[in-house]
N, C-alpha and C. Protein backbone atom coordinates (compact mmCIF):
# COMPACT_ATOMS: atom_id res chain seq x y z
N MET A 1 0.76 -1.11 0.01
CA MET A 1 0.07 0.16 -0.03
C MET A 1 0.82 0.73 -0.21
N PHE A 2 0.31 2.31 -0.69
CA PHE A 2 1.27 3.42 -0.99
C PHE A 2 0.13 4.43 0.06
N LEU A 3 0.79 5.17 0.41
CA LEU A 3 0.63 6.46 1.69
C LEU A 3 1.04 7.69 0.87
N LYS A 4 0.19 8.27 0.23
CA LYS A 4 -0.11 9.82 -0.75
C LYS A 4 0.18 11.02 0.32
N ILE A 5 1.39 11.74 0.19
CA ILE A 5 1.55 13.05 0.83
C ILE A 5 1.35 13.82 -0.11
N ARG A 6 0.38 14.77 0.16
CA ARG A 6 0.12 15.73 -0.99
C ARG A 6 0.58 17.16 -0.66
N LYS A 7 0.83 17.75 -1.74
CA LYS A 7 1.42 18.62 -1.81
C LYS A 7 1.00 20.45 -1.14
N ASN A 8 1.55 21.30 -0.58
CA ASN A 8 0.60 22.27 -0.59
C ASN A 8 -0.48 22.27 0.32
N CYS A 9 -0.36 21.51 1.64
CA CYS A 9 -1.25 21.02 2.81
C CYS A 9 -0.38 21.47 3.78
N GLY A 10 0.23 22.63 3.84
CA GLY A 10 0.87 22.87 5.13
C GLY A 10 1.73 21.97 5.83
N ILE A 11 2.32 21.00 5.38
CA ILE A 11 3.07 19.84 5.78
C ILE A 11 4.28 20.27 5.62
N TYR A 12 5.10 19.99 6.63
CA TYR A 12 6.79 20.30 6.48
C TYR A 12 7.69 18.99 6.77
N MET A 13 8.65 18.55 6.20
CA MET A 13 8.90 17.33 6.02
C MET A 13 10.84 17.87 6.41
N GLN A 14 11.56 16.46 7.17
CA GLN A 14 12.51 16.22 7.22
C GLN A 14 12.97 15.03 6.80
N ASN A 15 14.39 14.57 6.25
CA ASN A 15 14.69 13.38 5.77
C ASN A 15 15.89 13.43 5.76
N ASN A 16 16.56 12.00 5.46
CA ASN A 16 18.25 12.09 5.61
C ASN A 16 19.36 13.19 4.89
N GLU A 17 18.38 13.94 3.86
CA GLU A 17 18.98 14.49 3.23
C GLU A 17 19.18 15.86 3.57
N SER A 18 18.12 16.47 4.30
CA SER A 18 17.88 17.91 5.03
C SER A 18 18.57 17.55 6.37
N GLY A 19 19.01 16.26 6.95
CA GLY A 19 19.34 16.34 8.36
C GLY A 19 18.33 16.81 9.63
N LYS A 20 18.75 16.64 10.48
CA LYS A 20 17.61 16.75 11.78
C LYS A 20 17.03 17.79 12.10
N ARG A 21 17.95 18.97 11.36
CA ARG A 21 17.45 20.40 12.06
C ARG A 21 17.05 21.34 11.05
N VAL A 22 17.12 20.75 9.54
CA VAL A 22 16.49 21.69 8.47
C VAL A 22 15.07 20.95 8.22
N ILE A 23 14.20 21.96 8.09
CA ILE A 23 12.72 21.24 7.72
C ILE A 23 12.20 22.42 6.17
N ALA A 24 11.47 21.50 5.42
CA ALA A 24 11.31 22.12 4.43
C ALA A 24 9.84 21.86 4.03
N PRO A 25 8.82 22.44 3.51
CA PRO A 25 7.63 22.46 2.83
C PRO A 25 7.62 21.36 2.10
N VAL A 26 6.36 20.86 1.97
CA VAL A 26 6.05 19.35 0.97
C VAL A 26 5.64 20.52 -0.50
N SER A 27 6.40 20.39 -1.10
CA SER A 27 6.00 21.45 -2.58
C SER A 27 5.45 20.81 -3.89
N SER A 28 5.83 19.03 -3.63
CA SER A 28 5.29 18.58 -4.47
C SER A 28 4.57 16.73 -3.84
N HIS A 29 3.77 16.30 -4.66
CA HIS A 29 3.07 15.15 -4.25
C HIS A 29 3.81 13.82 -4.10
N PHE A 30 4.15 13.19 -2.88
CA PHE A 30 5.07 11.90 -2.78
C PHE A 30 4.20 10.53 -2.45
N TYR A 31 4.61 9.38 -2.53
CA TYR A 31 4.29 8.54 -2.11
C TYR A 31 5.21 7.94 -1.11
N ILE A 32 4.68 7.33 0.02
CA ILE A 32 5.76 6.17 0.73
C ILE A 32 5.04 4.69 0.71
N ASN A 33 6.27 4.18 0.28
CA ASN A 33 5.62 2.71 0.14
C ASN A 33 5.56 1.64 1.67
N LEU A 34 4.25 1.73 2.01
CA LEU A 34 4.16 1.25 3.68
C LEU A 34 4.86 -0.19 3.84
N GLN A 35 5.15 -0.88 2.31
CA GLN A 35 5.69 -2.37 2.70
C GLN A 35 7.32 -1.91 3.09
N LEU A 36 7.68 -0.78 2.59
CA LEU A 36 9.45 -0.89 2.68
C LEU A 36 9.25 0.04 4.33
N VAL A 37 8.56 0.23 4.88
CA VAL A 37 8.56 0.82 6.19
C VAL A 37 8.77 -0.03 7.41
N THR A 38 10.05 0.33 8.16
CA THR A 38 9.81 -0.64 9.52
C THR A 38 9.54 -0.36 10.72
N GLU A 39 9.27 0.96 10.95
CA GLU A 39 8.69 1.82 11.98
C GLU A 39 7.61 2.87 11.85
N ILE A 40 6.46 3.11 12.41
CA ILE A 40 6.11 4.37 12.20
C ILE A 40 5.91 4.89 13.40
N SER A 41 6.02 6.26 13.87
CA SER A 41 5.89 6.52 15.49
C SER A 41 4.57 8.17 14.89
N SER A 42 4.16 8.11 15.98
CA SER A 42 3.16 9.50 15.67
C SER A 42 2.86 9.76 17.39
N TYR A 43 3.19 11.20 16.75
CA TYR A 43 3.04 11.92 18.42
C TYR A 43 2.88 13.36 18.04
N SER A 44 2.61 14.06 19.48
CA SER A 44 2.42 15.69 19.17
C SER A 44 3.10 16.42 20.11
N LEU A 45 3.92 17.26 19.79
CA LEU A 45 4.93 18.42 20.23
C LEU A 45 4.38 18.40 21.80
N LYS A 46 4.73 18.58 23.01
CA LYS A 46 4.59 19.09 24.04
C LYS A 46 5.33 20.70 24.01
N GLU A 47 6.37 20.86 23.62
CA GLU A 47 7.02 22.14 24.15
C GLU A 47 7.48 22.52 22.54
N PRO A 48 7.12 24.01 22.50
CA PRO A 48 7.85 24.35 21.19
C PRO A 48 9.14 23.92 20.58
N LYS A 49 9.51 24.01 19.35
CA LYS A 49 10.35 23.55 18.77
C LYS A 49 10.80 24.27 17.69
N GLU A 50 12.20 24.45 17.76
CA GLU A 50 12.79 25.34 16.35
C GLU A 50 13.22 24.60 15.61
N LYS A 51 12.91 24.76 14.20
CA LYS A 51 14.01 24.33 13.05
C LYS A 51 14.30 25.31 11.96
N GLN A 52 15.22 24.81 11.47
CA GLN A 52 15.96 26.04 10.39
C GLN A 52 15.11 25.26 9.05
N GLN A 53 14.60 26.31 8.11
CA GLN A 53 14.24 26.17 7.09
C GLN A 53 15.25 26.38 6.18
N LEU A 54 15.08 25.96 4.62
CA LEU A 54 16.08 25.79 3.88
C LEU A 54 16.83 27.14 3.38
N ASP A 55 15.76 28.52 3.50
CA ASP A 55 16.56 29.98 3.39
C ASP A 55 17.02 30.36 4.63
N SER A 56 17.43 29.19 5.37
CA SER A 56 18.33 29.74 6.66
C SER A 56 17.39 30.64 7.77
N SER A 57 16.16 31.00 7.65
CA SER A 57 15.30 31.29 8.63
C SER A 57 14.49 30.05 9.51
N THR A 58 14.38 30.49 10.41
CA THR A 58 13.71 29.71 11.59
C THR A 58 12.23 29.79 11.59
N LEU A 59 11.64 28.77 12.06
CA LEU A 59 10.21 28.13 11.75
C LEU A 59 9.78 27.65 13.56
N LEU A 60 9.17 28.14 14.20
CA LEU A 60 8.81 27.85 15.54
C LEU A 60 7.73 26.79 15.32
N LEU A 61 7.85 25.89 15.76
CA LEU A 61 6.61 24.58 15.74
C LEU A 61 6.12 24.54 16.93
N PRO A 62 4.84 25.10 16.96
CA PRO A 62 4.20 25.21 18.24
C PRO A 62 3.60 23.98 18.95
N PRO A 63 3.37 24.17 20.49
CA PRO A 63 3.04 22.69 20.79
C PRO A 63 1.71 22.44 20.45
N GLY A 64 1.28 20.90 20.24
CA GLY A 64 0.22 20.50 19.56
C GLY A 64 0.58 20.41 17.93
N THR A 65 1.95 20.47 17.65
CA THR A 65 2.07 20.13 16.60
C THR A 65 2.21 18.52 16.55
N CYS A 66 1.41 17.99 15.16
CA CYS A 66 1.77 16.43 15.08
C CYS A 66 2.58 15.95 14.53
N VAL A 67 3.14 14.99 14.29
CA VAL A 67 4.71 14.66 13.91
C VAL A 67 4.02 12.89 13.35
N LEU A 68 4.31 12.74 12.09
CA LEU A 68 4.94 11.15 11.49
C LEU A 68 5.76 10.86 11.19
N HIS A 69 7.06 9.81 11.91
CA HIS A 69 7.89 9.64 11.84
C HIS A 69 7.86 7.99 10.85
N PHE A 70 8.77 7.90 9.63
CA PHE A 70 8.56 6.62 9.30
C PHE A 70 9.90 6.52 9.13
N THR A 71 10.44 4.95 9.45
CA THR A 71 12.11 4.55 9.40
C THR A 71 11.95 4.02 8.28
N MET A 72 12.54 3.76 7.29
CA MET A 72 12.31 2.54 5.91
C MET A 72 13.24 1.30 6.45
N ASN A 73 12.87 0.28 6.02
CA ASN A 73 13.52 -1.09 5.82
C ASN A 73 15.40 -1.04 5.41
N SER A 74 15.70 -1.59 5.87
CA SER A 74 17.72 -1.65 5.18
C SER A 74 17.58 -1.80 4.05
N ASN A 75 16.90 -2.00 3.03
CA ASN A 75 16.79 -2.16 1.87
C ASN A 75 16.87 -0.93 1.10
N PHE A 76 15.96 -0.08 1.97
CA PHE A 76 16.04 1.04 1.46
C PHE A 76 16.98 2.50 2.21
N SER A 77 17.85 1.75 2.72
CA SER A 77 19.08 2.57 3.24
C SER A 77 19.92 3.26 2.21
N SER A 78 20.84 4.05 2.72
CA SER A 78 21.94 4.57 1.85
C SER A 78 23.10 4.30 2.29
N SER A 79 24.53 4.15 1.74
CA SER A 79 25.71 4.01 2.52
C SER A 79 26.52 4.86 2.43
N LYS A 80 27.49 5.24 3.08
CA LYS A 80 28.56 6.14 3.22
C LYS A 80 29.45 5.46 3.37
N GLU A 81 30.82 6.11 2.78
CA GLU A 81 32.07 5.64 3.16
C GLU A 81 32.69 6.36 4.19
N LYS A 82 33.43 5.90 5.15
CA LYS A 82 34.05 6.81 6.29
C LYS A 82 35.39 6.15 6.72
N VAL A 83 36.07 6.43 6.85
CA VAL A 83 37.46 6.39 7.13
C VAL A 83 37.56 6.50 8.39
N LYS A 84 38.05 5.49 9.06
CA LYS A 84 38.43 5.51 10.43
C LYS A 84 39.73 4.76 10.83
N GLY A 85 40.53 5.53 11.40
CA GLY A 85 41.92 5.17 11.98
C GLY A 85 43.07 4.13 10.51
N GLU A 86 43.30 3.16 11.07
CA GLU A 86 44.12 2.89 10.13
C GLU A 86 43.21 1.26 9.84
N GLU A 87 41.90 1.25 9.79
CA GLU A 87 40.88 0.34 9.16
C GLU A 87 40.33 0.51 7.82
N GLY A 88 41.16 1.92 7.31
CA GLY A 88 40.77 2.09 5.87
C GLY A 88 39.15 2.53 5.79
N LYS A 89 38.88 2.19 4.69
CA LYS A 89 37.83 2.53 4.17
C LYS A 89 36.36 1.52 4.61
N ARG A 90 35.34 1.63 4.98
CA ARG A 90 34.57 0.75 5.26
C ARG A 90 32.95 1.41 5.27
N HIS A 91 32.19 0.50 4.36
CA HIS A 91 30.70 1.12 4.43
C HIS A 91 29.98 1.07 5.89
N LEU A 92 29.41 2.22 5.90
CA LEU A 92 27.89 2.48 6.82
C LEU A 92 27.01 2.87 6.36
N PHE A 93 25.94 1.77 6.51
CA PHE A 93 24.51 2.00 6.44
C PHE A 93 23.64 2.87 7.07
N GLU A 94 23.29 3.85 6.92
CA GLU A 94 22.35 4.78 7.00
C GLU A 94 21.12 4.63 6.79
N LYS A 95 20.04 4.34 7.53
CA LYS A 95 18.13 4.04 6.94
C LYS A 95 17.92 5.35 6.80
N VAL A 96 17.33 5.73 6.04
CA VAL A 96 16.24 6.38 5.50
C VAL A 96 14.91 6.50 6.35
N PHE A 97 15.00 7.82 6.66
CA PHE A 97 13.64 8.51 7.68
C PHE A 97 13.00 9.46 6.98
N TYR A 98 11.74 9.49 7.09
CA TYR A 98 10.94 10.77 6.78
C TYR A 98 9.98 11.27 7.90
N THR A 99 9.91 12.47 8.14
CA THR A 99 9.65 12.93 9.49
C THR A 99 8.60 14.18 8.94
N LEU A 100 7.23 14.00 8.71
CA LEU A 100 6.21 14.99 8.67
C LEU A 100 5.84 15.65 10.01
N TYR A 101 5.53 17.09 9.70
CA TYR A 101 5.36 18.01 10.91
C TYR A 101 4.03 18.85 10.47
N PHE A 102 2.79 18.51 11.14
CA PHE A 102 1.48 19.00 10.61
C PHE A 102 1.50 19.86 11.47
N LEU A 103 1.02 21.32 11.42
CA LEU A 103 0.82 22.52 12.30
C LEU A 103 -0.43 22.53 12.78
N PRO A 104 -0.96 22.79 14.10
CA PRO A 104 -2.31 22.76 14.93
C PRO A 104 -3.20 22.81 13.61
N ASP A 105 -3.17 23.82 13.03
CA ASP A 105 -4.10 24.37 12.41
C ASP A 105 -4.31 23.62 11.17
N ASN A 106 -3.73 22.49 10.50
CA ASN A 106 -3.77 21.40 9.86
C ASN A 106 -3.83 20.03 10.00
N MET A 107 -5.01 19.60 10.88
CA MET A 107 -5.31 18.60 11.48
C MET A 107 -6.01 17.40 10.31
N VAL A 108 -6.55 18.20 9.31
CA VAL A 108 -7.44 17.26 8.52
C VAL A 108 -6.34 16.60 7.87
N GLU A 109 -5.48 17.26 6.96
CA GLU A 109 -4.52 16.20 6.77
C GLU A 109 -4.05 14.92 7.55
N TYR A 110 -3.59 15.61 9.04
CA TYR A 110 -2.86 14.69 9.63
C TYR A 110 -3.85 13.51 9.86
N GLU A 111 -5.22 13.78 10.32
CA GLU A 111 -5.90 12.60 10.64
C GLU A 111 -6.30 12.08 8.83
N ARG A 112 -6.29 12.17 7.97
CA ARG A 112 -6.04 11.34 6.85
C ARG A 112 -5.07 10.64 6.62
N LEU A 113 -4.35 11.14 6.87
CA LEU A 113 -2.69 10.04 6.70
C LEU A 113 -2.85 9.03 8.18
N LYS A 114 -2.99 9.42 9.20
CA LYS A 114 -3.21 8.75 10.16
C LYS A 114 -4.36 7.72 10.25
N SER A 115 -5.46 8.46 9.82
CA SER A 115 -6.34 6.92 9.61
C SER A 115 -6.12 6.00 8.41
N ALA A 116 -5.50 6.34 7.15
CA ALA A 116 -4.98 5.30 6.40
C ALA A 116 -4.00 4.56 7.26
N ILE A 117 -3.23 4.65 8.06
CA ILE A 117 -1.97 3.91 8.31
C ILE A 117 -2.88 3.08 9.75
N ASP A 118 -4.18 3.46 10.26
CA ASP A 118 -4.57 2.58 11.15
C ASP A 118 -5.50 1.66 10.58
N GLN A 119 -5.94 1.93 9.33
CA GLN A 119 -6.74 0.89 8.72
C GLN A 119 -6.05 -0.36 8.38
N ASN A 120 -4.46 -0.09 8.33
CA ASN A 120 -3.69 -1.30 7.96
C ASN A 120 -3.00 -1.53 9.22
N THR A 121 -3.17 -1.46 10.15
CA THR A 121 -2.40 -1.68 11.35
C THR A 121 -3.21 -3.04 12.08
N GLN A 122 -2.79 -4.24 12.36
CA GLN A 122 -3.60 -5.38 12.58
C GLN A 122 -4.50 -5.09 13.67
N ASN A 123 -3.37 -4.48 15.04
CA ASN A 123 -3.97 -4.37 16.59
C ASN A 123 -3.83 -3.56 16.79
N ARG A 124 -4.90 -2.67 15.99
CA ARG A 124 -4.83 -1.16 16.56
C ARG A 124 -6.12 -0.92 17.66
N ASP A 125 -5.97 0.32 18.37
CA ASP A 125 -6.31 0.27 19.42
C ASP A 125 -7.92 0.34 19.22
N ASN A 126 -8.67 0.82 18.29
CA ASN A 126 -9.88 1.01 18.14
C ASN A 126 -10.71 -0.12 17.58
N LEU A 127 -10.37 -1.36 17.95
CA LEU A 127 -10.75 -2.65 17.61
C LEU A 127 -11.84 -2.80 18.68
């Protein structure tokens, strides 16, 4: 099953390429293949969190911002070369992740995605 992430819905995203500090608005549709996801976390921020945008300005994520975090399986990982001491080069694998932030005024899109995920969860809480 694929999960469609819609552009221009007030969703902000982080991934391996942007790093954990930089955040970007979702500016085009993309799909996440749920068969390649090993872990999905959902939570809401209790404290404000400051993130850097692509233009180096800061964005303050207020309390109540909902977060969906997807960790992809190791087949979807990237490799990096790293030199360490006398061991020479070795390959390290970095799991790909996507983190989506939904501001409190954009809960409709969050609920749509969360509902699609819950429909495909075997032991969901609302059974």
